[in-house]
N, C-alpha and C. Protein backbone atom coordinates (compact mmCIF):
# COMPACT_ATOMS: atom_id res chain seq x y z
N UNK A 1 20.83 -61.10 4.46
CA UNK A 1 20.96 -60.43 3.20
C UNK A 1 19.70 -59.62 2.87
N UNK A 2 18.53 -60.19 3.13
CA UNK A 2 17.27 -59.51 2.86
C UNK A 2 17.16 -58.26 3.72
N UNK A 3 17.60 -58.34 4.96
CA UNK A 3 17.57 -57.20 5.86
C UNK A 3 18.45 -56.07 5.33
N UNK A 4 19.63 -56.42 4.81
CA UNK A 4 20.53 -55.42 4.25
C UNK A 4 19.90 -54.78 3.01
N UNK A 5 19.27 -55.56 2.16
CA UNK A 5 18.62 -55.03 0.96
C UNK A 5 17.46 -54.11 1.33
N UNK A 6 16.69 -54.49 2.35
CA UNK A 6 15.59 -53.66 2.82
C UNK A 6 16.13 -52.33 3.33
N UNK A 7 17.21 -52.38 4.12
CA UNK A 7 17.82 -51.17 4.66
C UNK A 7 18.32 -50.28 3.52
N UNK A 8 19.01 -50.86 2.54
CA UNK A 8 19.51 -50.11 1.40
C UNK A 8 18.34 -49.54 0.60
N UNK A 9 17.29 -50.32 0.47
CA UNK A 9 16.10 -49.84 -0.24
C UNK A 9 15.45 -48.67 0.46
N UNK A 10 15.33 -48.73 1.78
CA UNK A 10 14.74 -47.62 2.55
C UNK A 10 15.61 -46.37 2.46
N UNK A 11 16.91 -46.53 2.57
CA UNK A 11 17.82 -45.40 2.45
C UNK A 11 17.71 -44.80 1.05
N UNK A 12 17.63 -45.63 0.04
CA UNK A 12 17.48 -45.17 -1.34
C UNK A 12 16.19 -44.38 -1.54
N UNK A 13 15.10 -44.87 -0.98
CA UNK A 13 13.82 -44.17 -1.08
C UNK A 13 13.91 -42.82 -0.37
N UNK A 14 14.53 -42.80 0.80
CA UNK A 14 14.68 -41.55 1.54
C UNK A 14 15.49 -40.54 0.75
N UNK A 15 16.59 -40.99 0.15
CA UNK A 15 17.42 -40.10 -0.66
C UNK A 15 16.63 -39.59 -1.86
N UNK A 16 15.88 -40.46 -2.49
CA UNK A 16 15.06 -40.07 -3.63
C UNK A 16 14.02 -39.02 -3.24
N UNK A 17 13.36 -39.20 -2.09
CA UNK A 17 12.36 -38.23 -1.61
C UNK A 17 13.00 -36.88 -1.34
N UNK A 18 14.17 -36.88 -0.70
CA UNK A 18 14.87 -35.62 -0.43
C UNK A 18 15.24 -34.95 -1.75
N UNK A 19 15.74 -35.72 -2.70
CA UNK A 19 16.13 -35.16 -4.00
C UNK A 19 14.92 -34.57 -4.72
N UNK A 20 13.80 -35.28 -4.71
CA UNK A 20 12.60 -34.77 -5.37
C UNK A 20 12.08 -33.50 -4.70
N UNK A 21 12.14 -33.47 -3.39
CA UNK A 21 11.71 -32.27 -2.66
C UNK A 21 12.59 -31.10 -3.05
N UNK A 22 13.90 -31.31 -3.10
CA UNK A 22 14.83 -30.25 -3.47
C UNK A 22 14.55 -29.77 -4.90
N UNK A 23 14.35 -30.70 -5.81
CA UNK A 23 14.09 -30.34 -7.20
C UNK A 23 12.80 -29.53 -7.30
N UNK A 24 11.74 -29.97 -6.62
CA UNK A 24 10.47 -29.23 -6.66
C UNK A 24 10.61 -27.84 -6.08
N UNK A 25 11.32 -27.72 -4.97
CA UNK A 25 11.48 -26.41 -4.35
C UNK A 25 12.34 -25.49 -5.19
N UNK A 26 13.35 -26.02 -5.84
CA UNK A 26 14.24 -25.16 -6.60
C UNK A 26 13.64 -24.69 -7.91
N UNK A 27 12.67 -25.40 -8.45
CA UNK A 27 12.08 -24.93 -9.71
C UNK A 27 10.81 -24.12 -9.49
N UNK A 28 10.49 -23.83 -8.24
CA UNK A 28 9.38 -22.95 -7.94
C UNK A 28 8.01 -23.60 -8.05
N UNK A 29 7.93 -24.92 -8.04
CA UNK A 29 6.62 -25.54 -8.19
C UNK A 29 5.83 -25.54 -6.89
N UNK A 30 6.47 -25.12 -5.79
CA UNK A 30 5.74 -25.00 -4.54
C UNK A 30 5.13 -23.62 -4.46
N UNK A 31 4.14 -23.46 -3.60
CA UNK A 31 3.51 -22.15 -3.48
C UNK A 31 4.34 -21.26 -2.57
N UNK A 32 4.73 -20.11 -3.06
CA UNK A 32 5.54 -19.18 -2.28
C UNK A 32 4.65 -18.10 -1.69
N UNK A 33 5.24 -17.26 -0.87
CA UNK A 33 4.52 -16.13 -0.31
C UNK A 33 4.17 -15.10 -1.38
N UNK A 34 4.86 -15.13 -2.50
CA UNK A 34 4.64 -14.16 -3.57
C UNK A 34 3.17 -14.13 -4.00
N UNK A 35 2.53 -15.28 -4.07
CA UNK A 35 1.15 -15.30 -4.54
C UNK A 35 0.21 -14.60 -3.56
N UNK A 36 0.51 -14.65 -2.29
CA UNK A 36 -0.36 -13.98 -1.32
C UNK A 36 -0.02 -12.50 -1.22
N UNK A 37 1.22 -12.12 -1.50
CA UNK A 37 1.60 -10.71 -1.43
C UNK A 37 1.12 -9.96 -2.67
N UNK A 38 1.27 -10.56 -3.81
CA UNK A 38 0.89 -9.90 -5.06
C UNK A 38 -0.55 -10.27 -5.41
N UNK A 39 -1.46 -9.75 -4.64
CA UNK A 39 -2.86 -10.09 -4.78
C UNK A 39 -3.51 -9.52 -6.05
N UNK A 40 -2.97 -8.42 -6.57
CA UNK A 40 -3.68 -7.69 -7.62
C UNK A 40 -2.84 -7.52 -8.88
N UNK A 41 -1.99 -8.50 -9.17
CA UNK A 41 -1.17 -8.47 -10.38
C UNK A 41 -0.39 -7.17 -10.50
N UNK A 42 0.28 -6.79 -9.42
CA UNK A 42 1.07 -5.57 -9.39
C UNK A 42 2.33 -5.74 -10.21
N UNK A 43 2.82 -4.61 -10.73
CA UNK A 43 4.10 -4.66 -11.43
C UNK A 43 5.23 -4.59 -10.39
N UNK A 44 6.44 -4.71 -10.84
CA UNK A 44 7.59 -4.76 -9.93
C UNK A 44 7.70 -3.50 -9.08
N UNK A 45 7.47 -2.34 -9.68
CA UNK A 45 7.55 -1.08 -8.94
C UNK A 45 6.47 -1.00 -7.87
N UNK A 46 5.26 -1.44 -8.19
CA UNK A 46 4.17 -1.42 -7.21
C UNK A 46 4.44 -2.38 -6.06
N UNK A 47 5.05 -3.53 -6.35
CA UNK A 47 5.42 -4.46 -5.28
C UNK A 47 6.48 -3.85 -4.37
N UNK A 48 7.43 -3.13 -4.96
CA UNK A 48 8.45 -2.44 -4.17
C UNK A 48 7.80 -1.40 -3.26
N UNK A 49 6.86 -0.64 -3.82
CA UNK A 49 6.13 0.37 -3.04
C UNK A 49 5.38 -0.28 -1.89
N UNK A 50 4.74 -1.41 -2.17
CA UNK A 50 4.02 -2.14 -1.13
C UNK A 50 4.95 -2.50 0.02
N UNK A 51 6.13 -3.01 -0.30
CA UNK A 51 7.10 -3.37 0.73
C UNK A 51 7.52 -2.17 1.56
N UNK A 52 7.75 -1.05 0.90
CA UNK A 52 8.14 0.17 1.61
C UNK A 52 7.01 0.61 2.55
N UNK A 53 5.78 0.67 2.03
CA UNK A 53 4.66 1.18 2.83
C UNK A 53 4.30 0.26 3.99
N UNK A 54 4.49 -1.03 3.84
CA UNK A 54 4.17 -1.93 4.93
C UNK A 54 5.12 -1.75 6.11
N UNK A 55 6.29 -1.16 5.88
CA UNK A 55 7.25 -0.90 6.95
C UNK A 55 7.29 0.57 7.35
N UNK A 56 6.59 1.42 6.62
CA UNK A 56 6.72 2.87 6.77
C UNK A 56 5.92 3.42 7.93
N UNK A 57 6.34 4.62 8.34
CA UNK A 57 5.55 5.37 9.32
C UNK A 57 5.61 6.85 8.95
N UNK A 58 4.56 7.54 9.35
CA UNK A 58 4.42 8.98 9.12
C UNK A 58 4.16 9.63 10.48
N UNK A 59 4.09 10.96 10.50
CA UNK A 59 3.75 11.69 11.71
C UNK A 59 2.45 12.45 11.48
N UNK A 60 1.55 12.40 12.48
CA UNK A 60 0.36 13.24 12.36
C UNK A 60 0.72 14.65 12.81
N UNK A 61 -0.23 15.57 12.79
CA UNK A 61 0.08 16.96 13.09
C UNK A 61 0.37 17.20 14.57
N UNK A 62 0.12 16.19 15.40
CA UNK A 62 0.48 16.27 16.83
C UNK A 62 1.80 15.57 17.12
N UNK A 63 2.44 15.03 16.08
CA UNK A 63 3.73 14.37 16.25
C UNK A 63 3.65 12.89 16.56
N UNK A 64 2.45 12.32 16.52
CA UNK A 64 2.28 10.89 16.78
C UNK A 64 2.64 10.07 15.55
N UNK A 65 3.19 8.90 15.76
CA UNK A 65 3.55 8.00 14.67
C UNK A 65 2.31 7.29 14.15
N UNK A 66 2.20 7.22 12.83
CA UNK A 66 1.06 6.58 12.17
C UNK A 66 1.60 5.59 11.14
N UNK A 67 1.00 4.40 11.11
CA UNK A 67 1.35 3.38 10.13
C UNK A 67 0.07 2.88 9.47
N UNK A 68 0.21 2.23 8.32
CA UNK A 68 -0.99 1.73 7.65
C UNK A 68 -1.68 0.66 8.46
N UNK A 69 -0.95 -0.05 9.30
CA UNK A 69 -1.58 -1.07 10.13
C UNK A 69 -2.58 -0.47 11.12
N UNK A 70 -2.46 0.82 11.38
CA UNK A 70 -3.42 1.50 12.26
C UNK A 70 -4.82 1.54 11.66
N UNK A 71 -4.92 1.31 10.36
CA UNK A 71 -6.20 1.40 9.66
C UNK A 71 -6.62 0.06 9.07
N UNK A 72 -6.14 -1.02 9.64
CA UNK A 72 -6.49 -2.37 9.15
C UNK A 72 -8.00 -2.53 9.13
N UNK A 73 -8.50 -3.18 8.10
CA UNK A 73 -9.93 -3.40 7.96
C UNK A 73 -10.62 -2.35 7.12
N UNK A 74 -9.87 -1.32 6.70
CA UNK A 74 -10.44 -0.27 5.86
C UNK A 74 -9.62 -0.14 4.58
N UNK A 75 -10.29 0.31 3.52
CA UNK A 75 -9.57 0.69 2.31
C UNK A 75 -8.91 2.03 2.61
N UNK A 76 -7.67 2.17 2.18
CA UNK A 76 -6.94 3.42 2.42
C UNK A 76 -6.48 4.03 1.10
N UNK A 77 -6.47 5.33 1.09
CA UNK A 77 -5.80 6.08 0.04
C UNK A 77 -4.67 6.82 0.71
N UNK A 78 -3.45 6.52 0.33
CA UNK A 78 -2.31 7.31 0.77
C UNK A 78 -2.04 8.28 -0.37
N UNK A 79 -2.26 9.55 -0.09
CA UNK A 79 -2.16 10.60 -1.10
C UNK A 79 -1.00 11.51 -0.76
N UNK A 80 0.11 11.42 -1.52
CA UNK A 80 1.26 12.29 -1.32
C UNK A 80 1.00 13.60 -2.04
N UNK A 81 1.18 14.72 -1.31
CA UNK A 81 0.79 16.02 -1.84
C UNK A 81 1.64 17.13 -1.22
N UNK A 82 1.48 18.36 -1.74
CA UNK A 82 2.05 19.59 -1.19
C UNK A 82 1.02 20.70 -1.39
N UNK A 83 1.10 21.74 -0.57
CA UNK A 83 0.10 22.81 -0.63
C UNK A 83 0.15 23.61 -1.93
N UNK A 84 1.29 23.69 -2.59
CA UNK A 84 1.43 24.46 -3.82
C UNK A 84 0.92 23.71 -5.05
N UNK A 85 0.64 22.43 -4.91
CA UNK A 85 0.33 21.55 -6.04
C UNK A 85 -1.17 21.58 -6.36
N UNK A 86 -1.55 22.34 -7.39
CA UNK A 86 -2.99 22.46 -7.69
C UNK A 86 -3.62 21.13 -8.11
N UNK A 87 -2.95 20.25 -8.87
CA UNK A 87 -3.57 18.94 -9.14
C UNK A 87 -3.79 18.13 -7.86
N UNK A 88 -2.89 18.30 -6.88
CA UNK A 88 -3.06 17.62 -5.59
C UNK A 88 -4.36 18.08 -4.93
N UNK A 89 -4.57 19.38 -4.96
CA UNK A 89 -5.73 19.95 -4.28
C UNK A 89 -7.03 19.60 -4.99
N UNK A 90 -6.97 19.30 -6.29
CA UNK A 90 -8.18 18.89 -7.04
C UNK A 90 -8.70 17.53 -6.55
N UNK A 91 -7.82 16.71 -6.00
CA UNK A 91 -8.20 15.39 -5.52
C UNK A 91 -9.06 15.49 -4.25
N UNK A 92 -8.78 16.49 -3.42
CA UNK A 92 -9.36 16.55 -2.08
C UNK A 92 -10.89 16.59 -2.01
N UNK A 93 -11.59 17.40 -2.79
CA UNK A 93 -13.06 17.41 -2.68
C UNK A 93 -13.69 16.04 -2.97
N UNK A 94 -13.16 15.35 -3.97
CA UNK A 94 -13.70 14.03 -4.31
C UNK A 94 -13.48 13.04 -3.17
N UNK A 95 -12.29 13.07 -2.59
CA UNK A 95 -11.99 12.13 -1.51
C UNK A 95 -12.80 12.47 -0.26
N UNK A 96 -13.04 13.75 -0.03
CA UNK A 96 -13.86 14.16 1.11
C UNK A 96 -15.29 13.65 0.95
N UNK A 97 -15.82 13.74 -0.26
CA UNK A 97 -17.17 13.21 -0.52
C UNK A 97 -17.23 11.71 -0.27
N UNK A 98 -16.20 11.00 -0.71
CA UNK A 98 -16.17 9.54 -0.51
C UNK A 98 -15.97 9.18 0.96
N UNK A 99 -15.24 9.99 1.69
CA UNK A 99 -15.11 9.77 3.14
C UNK A 99 -16.49 9.88 3.80
N UNK A 100 -17.30 10.81 3.33
CA UNK A 100 -18.65 10.97 3.90
C UNK A 100 -19.51 9.75 3.55
N UNK A 101 -19.38 9.24 2.34
CA UNK A 101 -20.17 8.09 1.91
C UNK A 101 -19.72 6.77 2.54
N UNK A 102 -18.42 6.63 2.77
CA UNK A 102 -17.84 5.37 3.24
C UNK A 102 -17.06 5.58 4.54
N UNK A 103 -17.57 6.39 5.42
CA UNK A 103 -16.80 6.85 6.58
C UNK A 103 -16.23 5.72 7.44
N UNK A 104 -16.93 4.62 7.59
CA UNK A 104 -16.44 3.53 8.43
C UNK A 104 -15.55 2.55 7.67
N UNK A 105 -15.43 2.74 6.36
CA UNK A 105 -14.71 1.76 5.54
C UNK A 105 -13.56 2.34 4.73
N UNK A 106 -13.41 3.67 4.70
CA UNK A 106 -12.44 4.31 3.83
C UNK A 106 -11.70 5.41 4.59
N UNK A 107 -10.38 5.37 4.52
CA UNK A 107 -9.55 6.39 5.17
C UNK A 107 -8.67 7.06 4.13
N UNK A 108 -8.53 8.35 4.27
CA UNK A 108 -7.61 9.11 3.44
C UNK A 108 -6.45 9.55 4.31
N UNK A 109 -5.26 9.10 3.94
CA UNK A 109 -4.04 9.53 4.60
C UNK A 109 -3.39 10.55 3.68
N UNK A 110 -3.62 11.82 3.98
CA UNK A 110 -3.09 12.92 3.16
C UNK A 110 -1.68 13.21 3.68
N UNK A 111 -0.69 12.66 2.99
CA UNK A 111 0.70 12.72 3.43
C UNK A 111 1.43 13.83 2.69
N UNK A 112 1.73 14.90 3.40
CA UNK A 112 2.48 15.99 2.80
C UNK A 112 3.95 15.61 2.78
N UNK A 113 4.57 15.75 1.61
CA UNK A 113 5.96 15.32 1.45
C UNK A 113 6.95 16.19 2.20
N UNK A 114 6.52 17.34 2.66
CA UNK A 114 7.34 18.36 3.35
C UNK A 114 8.66 18.65 2.65
N UNK A 115 8.63 18.58 1.32
CA UNK A 115 9.81 18.99 0.55
C UNK A 115 9.79 20.51 0.35
N UNK A 116 8.62 21.09 0.11
CA UNK A 116 8.50 22.54 0.00
C UNK A 116 7.73 23.12 1.18
N UNK A 117 6.84 22.35 1.76
CA UNK A 117 6.06 22.79 2.92
C UNK A 117 6.78 22.38 4.20
N UNK A 118 6.28 22.90 5.31
CA UNK A 118 6.75 22.43 6.61
C UNK A 118 5.52 22.05 7.44
N UNK A 119 5.70 21.34 8.54
CA UNK A 119 4.53 20.88 9.32
C UNK A 119 3.59 22.01 9.75
N UNK A 120 4.12 23.19 10.04
CA UNK A 120 3.26 24.31 10.43
C UNK A 120 2.35 24.72 9.26
N UNK A 121 2.90 24.76 8.05
CA UNK A 121 2.09 25.10 6.87
C UNK A 121 1.02 24.04 6.61
N UNK A 122 1.36 22.79 6.84
CA UNK A 122 0.40 21.71 6.66
C UNK A 122 -0.74 21.86 7.67
N UNK A 123 -0.41 22.16 8.91
CA UNK A 123 -1.43 22.35 9.95
C UNK A 123 -2.33 23.54 9.60
N UNK A 124 -1.75 24.62 9.12
CA UNK A 124 -2.55 25.78 8.71
C UNK A 124 -3.49 25.42 7.57
N UNK A 125 -2.97 24.68 6.59
CA UNK A 125 -3.79 24.26 5.46
C UNK A 125 -4.94 23.38 5.95
N UNK A 126 -4.64 22.44 6.83
CA UNK A 126 -5.68 21.54 7.36
C UNK A 126 -6.75 22.32 8.11
N UNK A 127 -6.36 23.33 8.86
CA UNK A 127 -7.34 24.15 9.60
C UNK A 127 -8.20 24.97 8.66
N UNK A 128 -7.63 25.43 7.57
CA UNK A 128 -8.36 26.26 6.61
C UNK A 128 -9.21 25.42 5.65
N UNK A 129 -8.92 24.14 5.55
CA UNK A 129 -9.62 23.24 4.62
C UNK A 129 -10.08 22.00 5.39
N UNK A 130 -11.23 22.08 6.00
CA UNK A 130 -11.65 21.03 6.95
C UNK A 130 -12.12 19.73 6.30
N UNK A 131 -11.27 19.17 5.44
CA UNK A 131 -11.56 17.86 4.88
C UNK A 131 -11.41 16.80 5.96
N UNK A 132 -12.18 15.75 5.85
CA UNK A 132 -12.16 14.68 6.84
C UNK A 132 -11.04 13.68 6.50
N UNK A 133 -9.80 14.14 6.64
CA UNK A 133 -8.63 13.34 6.30
C UNK A 133 -7.77 13.13 7.53
N UNK A 134 -6.88 12.19 7.44
CA UNK A 134 -5.81 12.02 8.40
C UNK A 134 -4.63 12.81 7.83
N UNK A 135 -4.39 14.00 8.37
CA UNK A 135 -3.35 14.89 7.87
C UNK A 135 -2.02 14.43 8.44
N UNK A 136 -1.11 14.05 7.55
CA UNK A 136 0.17 13.50 7.98
C UNK A 136 1.31 14.22 7.27
N UNK A 137 2.50 14.14 7.89
CA UNK A 137 3.71 14.64 7.23
C UNK A 137 4.68 13.47 7.08
N UNK A 138 5.42 13.54 6.01
CA UNK A 138 6.36 12.47 5.67
C UNK A 138 7.71 12.75 6.34
N UNK A 139 7.75 12.63 7.64
CA UNK A 139 8.95 12.93 8.42
C UNK A 139 10.07 11.93 8.21
N UNK A 140 9.77 10.78 7.60
CA UNK A 140 10.78 9.73 7.43
C UNK A 140 11.20 9.50 5.99
N UNK A 141 10.82 10.39 5.08
CA UNK A 141 11.26 10.28 3.70
C UNK A 141 10.68 9.12 2.92
N UNK A 142 9.48 8.69 3.28
CA UNK A 142 8.84 7.58 2.57
C UNK A 142 8.56 7.96 1.12
N UNK A 143 8.06 9.17 0.92
CA UNK A 143 7.76 9.63 -0.43
C UNK A 143 8.95 9.53 -1.36
N UNK A 144 10.13 9.83 -0.86
CA UNK A 144 11.33 9.73 -1.69
C UNK A 144 11.59 8.30 -2.13
N UNK A 145 11.07 7.34 -1.40
CA UNK A 145 11.26 5.93 -1.74
C UNK A 145 10.18 5.40 -2.69
N UNK A 146 9.01 6.05 -2.71
CA UNK A 146 7.91 5.49 -3.50
C UNK A 146 7.49 6.35 -4.70
N UNK A 147 7.74 7.64 -4.65
CA UNK A 147 7.31 8.52 -5.73
C UNK A 147 8.42 8.58 -6.78
N UNK A 148 8.08 8.20 -8.01
CA UNK A 148 9.11 8.20 -9.04
C UNK A 148 8.96 9.37 -10.02
N UNK A 149 7.75 9.89 -10.19
CA UNK A 149 7.55 10.90 -11.23
C UNK A 149 7.08 12.26 -10.69
N UNK A 150 6.32 12.32 -9.64
CA UNK A 150 5.79 13.58 -9.16
C UNK A 150 4.57 13.36 -8.29
N UNK A 151 3.90 14.46 -7.98
CA UNK A 151 2.70 14.42 -7.15
C UNK A 151 1.57 15.10 -7.90
N UNK A 152 0.32 14.84 -7.58
CA UNK A 152 -0.10 13.90 -6.54
C UNK A 152 0.23 12.46 -6.93
N UNK A 153 0.64 11.72 -5.93
CA UNK A 153 0.90 10.30 -6.11
C UNK A 153 0.03 9.56 -5.13
N UNK A 154 -0.85 8.71 -5.66
CA UNK A 154 -1.85 8.03 -4.83
C UNK A 154 -1.57 6.53 -4.80
N UNK A 155 -1.70 5.98 -3.60
CA UNK A 155 -1.56 4.54 -3.42
C UNK A 155 -2.82 4.04 -2.73
N UNK A 156 -3.51 3.12 -3.37
CA UNK A 156 -4.72 2.52 -2.80
C UNK A 156 -4.33 1.22 -2.11
N UNK A 157 -4.75 1.07 -0.86
CA UNK A 157 -4.39 -0.07 -0.02
C UNK A 157 -5.66 -0.81 0.37
N UNK A 158 -5.64 -2.14 0.31
CA UNK A 158 -6.83 -2.92 0.68
C UNK A 158 -6.95 -3.06 2.20
N UNK A 159 -7.98 -3.74 2.63
CA UNK A 159 -8.29 -3.85 4.07
C UNK A 159 -7.25 -4.65 4.85
N UNK A 160 -6.41 -5.41 4.15
CA UNK A 160 -5.36 -6.20 4.80
C UNK A 160 -3.99 -5.54 4.67
N UNK A 161 -3.92 -4.36 4.06
CA UNK A 161 -2.65 -3.65 3.97
C UNK A 161 -1.85 -3.90 2.70
N UNK A 162 -2.48 -4.46 1.68
CA UNK A 162 -1.80 -4.72 0.41
C UNK A 162 -2.16 -3.67 -0.63
N UNK A 163 -1.20 -3.30 -1.45
CA UNK A 163 -1.44 -2.31 -2.50
C UNK A 163 -2.41 -2.88 -3.53
N UNK A 164 -3.44 -2.09 -3.82
CA UNK A 164 -4.39 -2.42 -4.89
C UNK A 164 -3.85 -1.87 -6.21
N UNK A 165 -3.49 -0.59 -6.19
CA UNK A 165 -2.94 0.07 -7.37
C UNK A 165 -2.30 1.38 -6.94
N UNK A 166 -1.56 1.97 -7.85
CA UNK A 166 -0.97 3.29 -7.63
C UNK A 166 -1.37 4.18 -8.80
N UNK A 167 -1.31 5.49 -8.57
CA UNK A 167 -1.72 6.41 -9.64
C UNK A 167 -0.99 7.74 -9.47
N UNK A 168 -0.46 8.24 -10.56
CA UNK A 168 0.17 9.54 -10.58
C UNK A 168 -0.78 10.55 -11.18
N UNK A 169 -0.90 11.71 -10.55
CA UNK A 169 -1.70 12.79 -11.10
C UNK A 169 -3.15 12.77 -10.64
N UNK A 170 -3.92 13.64 -11.26
CA UNK A 170 -5.34 13.76 -10.95
C UNK A 170 -6.14 13.60 -12.23
N UNK A 171 -7.31 13.04 -12.09
CA UNK A 171 -8.25 12.92 -13.21
C UNK A 171 -9.28 14.04 -13.16
N UNK A 172 -9.02 15.04 -12.32
CA UNK A 172 -10.01 16.07 -12.05
C UNK A 172 -10.92 15.57 -10.94
N UNK A 173 -11.64 16.46 -10.32
CA UNK A 173 -12.44 16.09 -9.16
C UNK A 173 -13.41 14.95 -9.48
N UNK A 174 -14.16 15.05 -10.57
CA UNK A 174 -15.12 14.01 -10.92
C UNK A 174 -14.43 12.70 -11.30
N UNK A 175 -13.37 12.80 -12.06
CA UNK A 175 -12.64 11.59 -12.46
C UNK A 175 -12.02 10.87 -11.27
N UNK A 176 -11.46 11.63 -10.34
CA UNK A 176 -10.89 11.02 -9.12
C UNK A 176 -11.99 10.38 -8.28
N UNK A 177 -13.14 11.04 -8.22
CA UNK A 177 -14.27 10.47 -7.48
C UNK A 177 -14.68 9.13 -8.08
N UNK A 178 -14.89 9.11 -9.40
CA UNK A 178 -15.36 7.88 -10.06
C UNK A 178 -14.35 6.75 -9.94
N UNK A 179 -13.07 7.05 -10.15
CA UNK A 179 -12.03 6.01 -10.05
C UNK A 179 -11.98 5.43 -8.64
N UNK A 180 -11.99 6.29 -7.63
CA UNK A 180 -11.89 5.81 -6.25
C UNK A 180 -13.16 5.09 -5.83
N UNK A 181 -14.31 5.58 -6.24
CA UNK A 181 -15.58 4.90 -5.91
C UNK A 181 -15.59 3.50 -6.52
N UNK A 182 -15.09 3.36 -7.74
CA UNK A 182 -15.03 2.03 -8.37
C UNK A 182 -14.13 1.10 -7.57
N UNK A 183 -13.03 1.61 -7.06
CA UNK A 183 -12.13 0.78 -6.23
C UNK A 183 -12.85 0.39 -4.94
N UNK A 184 -13.50 1.34 -4.29
CA UNK A 184 -14.21 1.05 -3.05
C UNK A 184 -15.30 0.01 -3.28
N UNK A 185 -16.08 0.17 -4.32
CA UNK A 185 -17.16 -0.77 -4.60
C UNK A 185 -16.64 -2.16 -4.93
N UNK A 186 -15.50 -2.24 -5.56
CA UNK A 186 -14.92 -3.53 -5.92
C UNK A 186 -14.28 -4.24 -4.72
N UNK A 187 -13.63 -3.50 -3.84
CA UNK A 187 -12.81 -4.13 -2.82
C UNK A 187 -13.40 -4.15 -1.41
N UNK A 188 -14.50 -3.45 -1.21
CA UNK A 188 -15.14 -3.51 0.11
C UNK A 188 -16.06 -4.71 0.17
N UNK A 189 -16.15 -5.32 1.32
CA UNK A 189 -17.04 -6.51 1.46
C UNK A 189 -18.49 -6.14 1.32
């Protein structure tokens, strides 16, 4: 009889442990991947953008595929732009200065949306404006998935590939410089 009670007791404890585990998991009291993905208190739209960019690829001016993982270990600015967009062009001098200051730690991915431009026009612009950027074209429609309001649309990515923040528009050359420098100083080791 004691053996049967012990067996029933062990089975009962096992069932109780399984039930408690299920209850804890279903109410979210365990640590999920969400806490590691949302490192910077991003809003829902920024988290969606992060997911898109972590899977996205662009083309460089030679037709090679480029992904953000190619720049792991560096802070990145993904800057969606077009040649006709004067606010877009206001961002470039500031980012070029920061590339010179943080050359081993900061990359600018200047991604032309190719909605009004074409790759040949982007290449001509890059040749005429020798900024130290990674000139890319959005051959896969990534911009259509992440840009909600217009360009310039900037996405700052940390050294591990997570979105730090996003920004629409330009603050002017000096304002863009100061904002980006503050991000670099805060997030670089």
